[in-house]
Amino acid sequence: MNADAARPEHPKNIRLSIEDQYSGPSASKAADHVMTALELLQREGYLMKSYKDLLDHEWLTLTEKGKGIEKLGMMEQPKAILASQSPVVFISCGQYTEEERAVGSRVSELIRNYTNYVPYFAQDQQSFEGLSEGIIAALHKMSGMVVVMHKRGDVATPDGTIQRGSVWIEQEIAIAASLQQRGHSINVRAYAASGIAREGLRQLLQLNPVEFTDNDEVLKHFEQLLRNGEFVLASPEPEAFREAPPDLNVTAEMIGPDESDKRGIYPVSSSTRLVVFLNNAGTGPATDVTVSLEGIMPSIEEQRIGSIGPGQTKPHPILLPNYSFAHNPPGNAPSIITVRYGGHGWKGGTEVLKQIPGSHPPKWQTTSSTRPNPS
């Protein structure tokens, strides 16, 4: 879309174009992957729906963020940041308005201009892996944190009305507090809009935020700190660069089309499918996730899932060849489902599910699992 003067595109036209380039079952499969990619691009803020066509609101157009992608290498920026051996500064700043995003970007620029530290501001990142995964990884690696909390509105409490700040930023502060409790050294500089109430862990932490009424006050104060050498970070020990481990829990079910639609398992199919549910209960991303099946004819090649962020659950539907839901015993359901995965700085995780003998519809239970070990 960028190469074609950023003109709007319709998902149906894109799907037809993809299917024209393939033949047989692979045509629909390839198009499904592209439709999933379009959904991801919208969630990550690269695409948005164009309402210029009053009759059809499904047209897609590039956002300013999407127009900024000029070459493939830009998509690798988050990985390069997190692989750096320089201290990382996590910038926790509002992104609700353009003015708030500009403050975070300007703080990043100041850090690059005055230090050899690496700033991480989620809004500046170009990543298909999902911001949540990058944010968690950056929080675990950071040596410094700059918090800029803007107002988010009045909230009624039993003790009266208070002015609340960003709940998202409160969560990031809570993670930082947890890391500090475990001995992770983090230099924190905090700024809070005048009038914001102290809530959550901020009531317990001695953040001593600098109050501000105008965004320029934040930038002037922080620039002066950098000029005076008052924001100094210790170089992290090599161990600190290892991310928190993933922990994948796997279940599997045979799910019909009605249940698939009800539970939001996309793309919706008119056939009964095997759905492998992958839940990452760990504190770090599960990477290179694959699913392999044994005991079906013809065999299905290993399914590559990609990455699953901490706290995420991803349903992965698989259409089984020659499967009949009506047959008893069931025909052609896998006897063994094996899921393999790793993590940044971790390797070796597996989950093995075996079909319960005689179960119809077929059910599976975990028979063995291996948690990731440090690389």
Foldseek 3Di string as FASTA:
>chain_A
DLVVVQDKDALVVVLVVQLVVDDDPVSNVVSQVVVVLVVLCVVLQQKDFDCPPVVDRRIITGDPVNNPPDDPVLQCVLVVLLPDQAAEEEEAWDDPDPVGVVLSVLLQVLCVVQHPYHYDDLVSHRHSVDSLQSLLLRLLRHQEYEAEWEWDDWDQDPVGIATATDPVSVVSVVSNVVNVVVPRHYHYAYEYEPRHDQDDCSVVDPNVYHYDPDSVVVSVVVSVCSVVVVRDGDRDDPVSSAHWFWDKDKFKDFDAQVVCVVVVPPPGDRGTWIKIKIATQTSHKWAQKWKAFADAPPGDDIGTDGIAGHGDIHIDTDHGPPWDLPDVVTPGDGQKMKIATAGRQWHDWMWIWGWDPRDHVITIDTDDIDTIDGD
